[in-house]
Amino acid sequence: MTGEPILPEHLDELTAAMADLTGALETEPVEAEILEAVCAEAIRAVPGADMASITAIRDGEPSTAASTDDRAVEIDRAQYAAGAGPCLQAAETGKVVRVPLATAGAEWPEFTARARELGVGSYLAAPLRVDEHLSGALNLFGYGDHGFAETDSQLLRLYTTVVSFGLRTTRRYHQARRRASDLEAAMRTRAVIEQAKGILMAVHRISADDAMKLLVTESQRTNVKLRDIAARFVDELSSADSPA
């Protein structure tokens, strides 16, 4: 990295922000809550940031997935409507974009006008690429006209790198849990169906295929799922066999 060195106190704030974000991830919140926490901790991690938002690109269309302030959302919308702006450039190029509003008007007039209307003087955006389902940019807004410093770019780059890894890991964890849950449900479904088939085979002295046909026919006739038909049959037979 080039430019000013990152001061120890800046790293302390970044470390504290990441620790709190990690703690939030461990509570297994929904994605919207995770992204809101990412925005909130970004303001803490980068000096001069007063608001934050996350631009998500899905099927080529940008939208604001999280923010700390409605004004940030309004500035994002101005960029989306114009099809140009620093958040879109960061998302497209994969590079950090640092913008003092005083010099941005020629390149992004719509963005600059809306930002000035809402009291923003400085802007910083970094690409945020998690996986094929979430990519875009993390955007920071400053009320002052400092334009953010090179150290701020470095801090945001570090922050988004760790955030991307954390979100990717969290998504994979939840996907694994869903697969395990789906597999467990499938095994339970198969077990109860096999149990019902076995009972039908013993009672009616029929083959496994014929027992399955009876269950399927009843499922279609009553418009009830096959697993529920099997479970109901097993439960009714168990109740009938139980002593009064």
Protein backbone atom coordinates (compact mmCIF):
# COMPACT_ATOMS: atom_id res chain seq x y z
CA MET A 1 0.00 0.00 0.00
CA THR A 2 1.10 3.56 -0.62
CA GLY A 3 0.30 6.87 1.02
CA GLU A 4 -0.02 7.73 4.68
CA PRO A 5 0.58 4.95 7.22
CA ILE A 6 -2.36 3.52 9.13
CA LEU A 7 -2.10 4.73 12.73
CA PRO A 8 -2.38 2.28 15.65
CA GLU A 9 -5.56 3.91 16.90
CA HIS A 10 -7.16 3.37 13.49
CA LEU A 11 -6.26 -0.32 13.61
CA ASP A 12 -7.65 -0.52 17.13
CA GLU A 13 -11.00 0.83 15.94
CA LEU A 14 -10.97 -1.51 12.94
CA THR A 15 -10.19 -4.49 15.18
CA ALA A 16 -12.95 -3.54 17.63
CA ALA A 17 -15.44 -3.08 14.80
CA MET A 18 -14.58 -6.48 13.34
CA ALA A 19 -14.85 -8.13 16.76
CA ASP A 20 -18.33 -6.71 17.26
CA LEU A 21 -19.36 -7.71 13.74
CA THR A 22 -18.11 -11.25 14.34
CA GLY A 23 -20.16 -11.37 17.52
CA ALA A 24 -23.23 -10.29 15.55
CA LEU A 25 -22.64 -13.00 12.95
CA GLU A 26 -22.45 -15.65 15.67
CA THR A 27 -26.03 -14.87 16.74
CA GLU A 28 -27.20 -16.21 13.33
CA PRO A 29 -29.31 -13.20 12.29
CA VAL A 30 -31.08 -12.97 8.94
CA GLU A 31 -29.10 -11.52 6.03
CA ALA A 32 -30.70 -8.06 6.22
CA GLU A 33 -29.60 -7.73 9.85
CA ILE A 34 -26.08 -8.87 8.97
CA LEU A 35 -25.74 -6.23 6.24
CA GLU A 36 -27.09 -3.52 8.56
CA ALA A 37 -24.41 -4.50 11.09
CA VAL A 38 -21.75 -4.34 8.35
CA CYS A 39 -22.80 -0.74 7.60
CA ALA A 40 -22.88 0.29 11.25
CA GLU A 41 -19.43 -1.10 12.01
CA ALA A 42 -17.97 0.44 8.81
CA ILE A 43 -18.74 3.91 10.18
CA ARG A 44 -16.86 2.98 13.33
CA ALA A 45 -13.91 1.53 11.43
CA VAL A 46 -13.25 4.46 9.08
CA PRO A 47 -12.67 8.01 10.44
CA GLY A 48 -14.75 10.70 8.77
CA ALA A 49 -17.58 8.34 7.78
CA ASP A 50 -20.99 9.55 8.91
CA MET A 51 -23.29 7.26 6.92
CA ALA A 52 -22.92 3.95 5.11
CA SER A 53 -24.81 1.81 2.63
CA ILE A 54 -24.38 -1.41 0.69
CA THR A 55 -25.09 -1.54 -3.03
CA ALA A 56 -26.04 -5.05 -4.16
CA ILE A 57 -25.94 -6.02 -7.83
CA ARG A 58 -28.42 -8.77 -8.68
CA ASP A 59 -29.04 -9.83 -12.29
CA GLY A 60 -27.25 -6.67 -13.39
CA GLU A 61 -29.59 -4.40 -11.43
CA PRO A 62 -28.30 -2.35 -8.45
CA SER A 63 -30.25 -1.79 -5.26
CA THR A 64 -29.44 -0.70 -1.73
CA ALA A 65 -29.45 -3.78 0.50
CA ALA A 66 -28.67 -1.98 3.77
CA SER A 67 -27.94 1.50 5.09
CA THR A 68 -27.52 3.51 8.26
CA ASP A 69 -29.47 6.54 7.02
CA ASP A 70 -32.25 7.20 4.49
CA ARG A 71 -30.14 9.98 2.99
CA ALA A 72 -27.58 7.41 1.91
CA VAL A 73 -30.34 5.50 0.14
CA GLU A 74 -31.42 8.66 -1.71
CA ILE A 75 -27.87 9.29 -2.93
CA ASP A 76 -27.58 5.65 -4.04
CA ARG A 77 -30.83 5.96 -6.00
CA ALA A 78 -29.53 8.99 -7.87
CA GLN A 79 -26.61 6.87 -9.08
CA TYR A 80 -28.84 3.95 -10.06
CA ALA A 81 -31.19 6.22 -11.99
CA ALA A 82 -28.29 7.82 -13.86
CA GLY A 83 -26.56 4.49 -14.40
CA ALA A 84 -23.31 6.07 -13.20
CA GLY A 85 -21.62 6.96 -9.93
CA PRO A 86 -18.79 5.98 -7.63
CA CYS A 87 -20.62 3.06 -6.04
CA LEU A 88 -21.31 1.55 -9.46
CA GLN A 89 -17.72 2.17 -10.53
CA ALA A 90 -16.37 0.43 -7.42
CA ALA A 91 -18.67 -2.54 -8.00
CA GLU A 92 -17.74 -2.78 -11.69
CA THR A 93 -13.99 -2.24 -11.49
CA GLY A 94 -13.27 -3.94 -8.17
CA LYS A 95 -11.32 -0.89 -7.04
CA VAL A 96 -11.78 1.59 -4.19
CA VAL A 97 -13.21 4.93 -5.34
CA ARG A 98 -12.41 8.01 -3.21
CA VAL A 99 -14.37 11.16 -4.08
CA PRO A 100 -14.29 14.74 -2.79
CA LEU A 101 -17.60 16.21 -3.96
CA ALA A 102 -15.87 19.42 -5.00
CA THR A 103 -14.27 17.64 -7.97
CA ALA A 104 -16.90 15.00 -8.81
CA GLY A 105 -19.46 17.14 -10.63
CA ALA A 106 -18.00 16.82 -14.11
CA GLU A 107 -17.94 13.02 -14.03
CA TRP A 108 -21.07 12.30 -11.99
CA PRO A 109 -23.36 15.35 -12.04
CA GLU A 110 -26.53 13.56 -10.81
CA PHE A 111 -24.75 11.90 -7.92
CA THR A 112 -22.94 15.10 -6.96
CA ALA A 113 -26.06 17.24 -7.02
CA ARG A 114 -28.07 14.86 -4.84
CA ALA A 115 -25.19 14.36 -2.39
CA ARG A 116 -24.74 18.11 -1.97
CA GLU A 117 -28.47 18.58 -1.44
CA LEU A 118 -28.29 16.11 1.44
CA GLY A 119 -25.20 17.66 3.03
CA VAL A 120 -22.57 15.13 1.94
CA GLY A 121 -19.14 16.48 1.04
CA SER A 122 -17.01 13.31 0.79
CA TYR A 123 -17.54 9.80 -0.48
CA LEU A 124 -15.68 6.50 -0.37
CA ALA A 125 -16.73 3.21 -1.96
CA ALA A 126 -15.07 -0.21 -1.97
CA PRO A 127 -16.08 -3.34 -3.90
CA LEU A 128 -17.84 -5.99 -1.84
CA ARG A 129 -17.80 -9.41 -3.47
CA VAL A 130 -19.06 -12.31 -1.40
CA ASP A 131 -20.24 -14.93 -3.89
CA GLU A 132 -22.41 -15.35 -6.99
CA HIS A 133 -25.45 -14.22 -4.97
CA LEU A 134 -24.03 -11.03 -3.44
CA SER A 135 -21.65 -8.52 -5.00
CA GLY A 136 -21.61 -4.76 -5.16
CA ALA A 137 -20.03 -2.06 -3.04
CA LEU A 138 -19.80 -0.77 0.51
CA ASN A 139 -20.32 3.01 0.43
CA LEU A 140 -19.28 5.60 3.01
CA PHE A 141 -20.54 9.19 3.17
CA GLY A 142 -18.90 12.08 5.02
CA TYR A 143 -20.50 15.42 5.85
CA GLY A 144 -17.14 17.20 5.73
CA ASP A 145 -15.30 18.11 2.52
CA HIS A 146 -12.14 16.21 3.54
CA GLY A 147 -12.59 13.82 0.62
CA PHE A 148 -11.41 10.98 2.87
CA ALA A 149 -7.70 10.15 3.14
CA GLU A 150 -5.65 7.40 1.55
CA THR A 151 -5.52 5.75 4.97
CA ASP A 152 -9.32 5.65 4.93
CA SER A 153 -9.18 3.79 1.61
CA GLN A 154 -6.74 1.30 3.14
CA LEU A 155 -8.92 0.78 6.21
CA LEU A 156 -12.05 0.27 4.12
CA ARG A 157 -10.20 -2.15 1.85
CA LEU A 158 -9.09 -4.17 4.89
CA TYR A 159 -12.58 -4.04 6.37
CA THR A 160 -14.34 -5.21 3.20
CA THR A 161 -11.81 -8.02 2.74
CA VAL A 162 -12.57 -9.40 6.19
CA VAL A 163 -16.31 -8.76 5.80
CA SER A 164 -16.40 -10.64 2.49
CA PHE A 165 -14.66 -13.62 4.07
CA GLY A 166 -16.97 -13.55 7.10
CA LEU A 167 -20.14 -13.32 5.00
CA ARG A 168 -18.92 -16.08 2.67
CA THR A 169 -18.17 -18.36 5.61
CA THR A 170 -21.52 -17.58 7.25
CA ARG A 171 -23.41 -18.33 4.04
CA ARG A 172 -21.63 -21.65 3.60
CA TYR A 173 -22.40 -22.56 7.20
CA HIS A 174 -26.09 -21.84 6.76
CA GLN A 175 -26.16 -23.74 3.46
CA ALA A 176 -24.59 -26.76 5.16
CA ARG A 177 -27.15 -26.58 7.96
CA ARG A 178 -30.02 -26.39 5.45
CA ARG A 179 -28.67 -29.40 3.56
CA ALA A 180 -28.34 -31.37 6.79
CA SER A 181 -31.87 -30.40 7.81
CA ASP A 182 -33.24 -31.35 4.38
CA LEU A 183 -31.43 -34.70 4.52
CA GLU A 184 -32.78 -35.41 8.00
CA ALA A 185 -36.32 -34.59 6.86
CA ALA A 186 -35.92 -36.82 3.81
CA MET A 187 -34.70 -39.70 5.97
CA ARG A 188 -37.66 -39.30 8.35
CA THR A 189 -40.05 -39.24 5.39
CA ARG A 190 -38.55 -42.39 3.91
CA ALA A 191 -38.61 -44.16 7.28
CA VAL A 192 -42.32 -43.56 7.91
CA ILE A 193 -43.24 -44.55 4.34
CA GLU A 194 -41.24 -47.77 4.63
CA GLN A 195 -42.93 -48.49 7.95
CA ALA A 196 -46.38 -48.00 6.43
CA LYS A 197 -45.47 -50.20 3.45
CA GLY A 198 -44.26 -52.94 5.76
CA ILE A 199 -47.53 -52.92 7.71
CA LEU A 200 -49.61 -53.04 4.51
CA MET A 201 -47.50 -55.89 3.15
CA ALA A 202 -48.00 -57.92 6.34
CA VAL A 203 -51.74 -57.22 6.70
CA HIS A 204 -52.74 -57.69 3.06
CA ARG A 205 -49.99 -60.13 2.06
CA ILE A 206 -48.99 -57.97 -0.91
CA SER A 207 -45.69 -56.93 -2.48
CA ALA A 208 -43.76 -53.77 -1.67
CA ASP A 209 -44.78 -52.26 -5.01
CA ASP A 210 -48.46 -52.95 -4.37
CA ALA A 211 -48.21 -51.49 -0.86
CA MET A 212 -46.66 -48.33 -2.31
CA LYS A 213 -49.44 -48.12 -4.91
CA LEU A 214 -52.04 -48.20 -2.13
CA LEU A 215 -50.35 -45.31 -0.34
CA VAL A 216 -50.00 -43.29 -3.54
CA THR A 217 -53.63 -43.89 -4.47
CA GLU A 218 -54.81 -42.71 -1.06
CA SER A 219 -52.55 -39.64 -1.29
CA GLN A 220 -54.02 -38.70 -4.67
CA ARG A 221 -57.58 -39.37 -3.57
CA THR A 222 -57.35 -37.20 -0.46
CA ASN A 223 -54.87 -34.66 -1.88
CA VAL A 224 -52.64 -35.22 1.15
CA LYS A 225 -48.87 -35.60 0.94
CA LEU A 226 -47.60 -39.18 0.78
CA ARG A 227 -45.55 -38.79 3.95
CA ASP A 228 -48.57 -37.50 5.88
CA ILE A 229 -50.71 -40.37 4.60
CA ALA A 230 -48.09 -42.88 5.75
CA ALA A 231 -47.65 -41.18 9.14
CA ARG A 232 -51.42 -41.07 9.69
CA PHE A 233 -51.75 -44.74 8.80
CA VAL A 234 -48.96 -45.74 11.19
CA ASP A 235 -50.37 -43.56 14.00
CA GLU A 236 -53.91 -44.97 13.56
CA LEU A 237 -52.66 -48.54 13.60
CA SER A 238 -50.48 -47.86 16.65
CA SER A 239 -53.47 -46.34 18.48
CA ALA A 240 -55.66 -49.31 17.58
CA ASP A 241 -53.07 -51.77 18.87
CA SER A 242 -52.51 -49.87 22.14
CA PRO A 243 -54.33 -51.22 25.21
CA ALA A 244 -57.26 -49.12 26.37
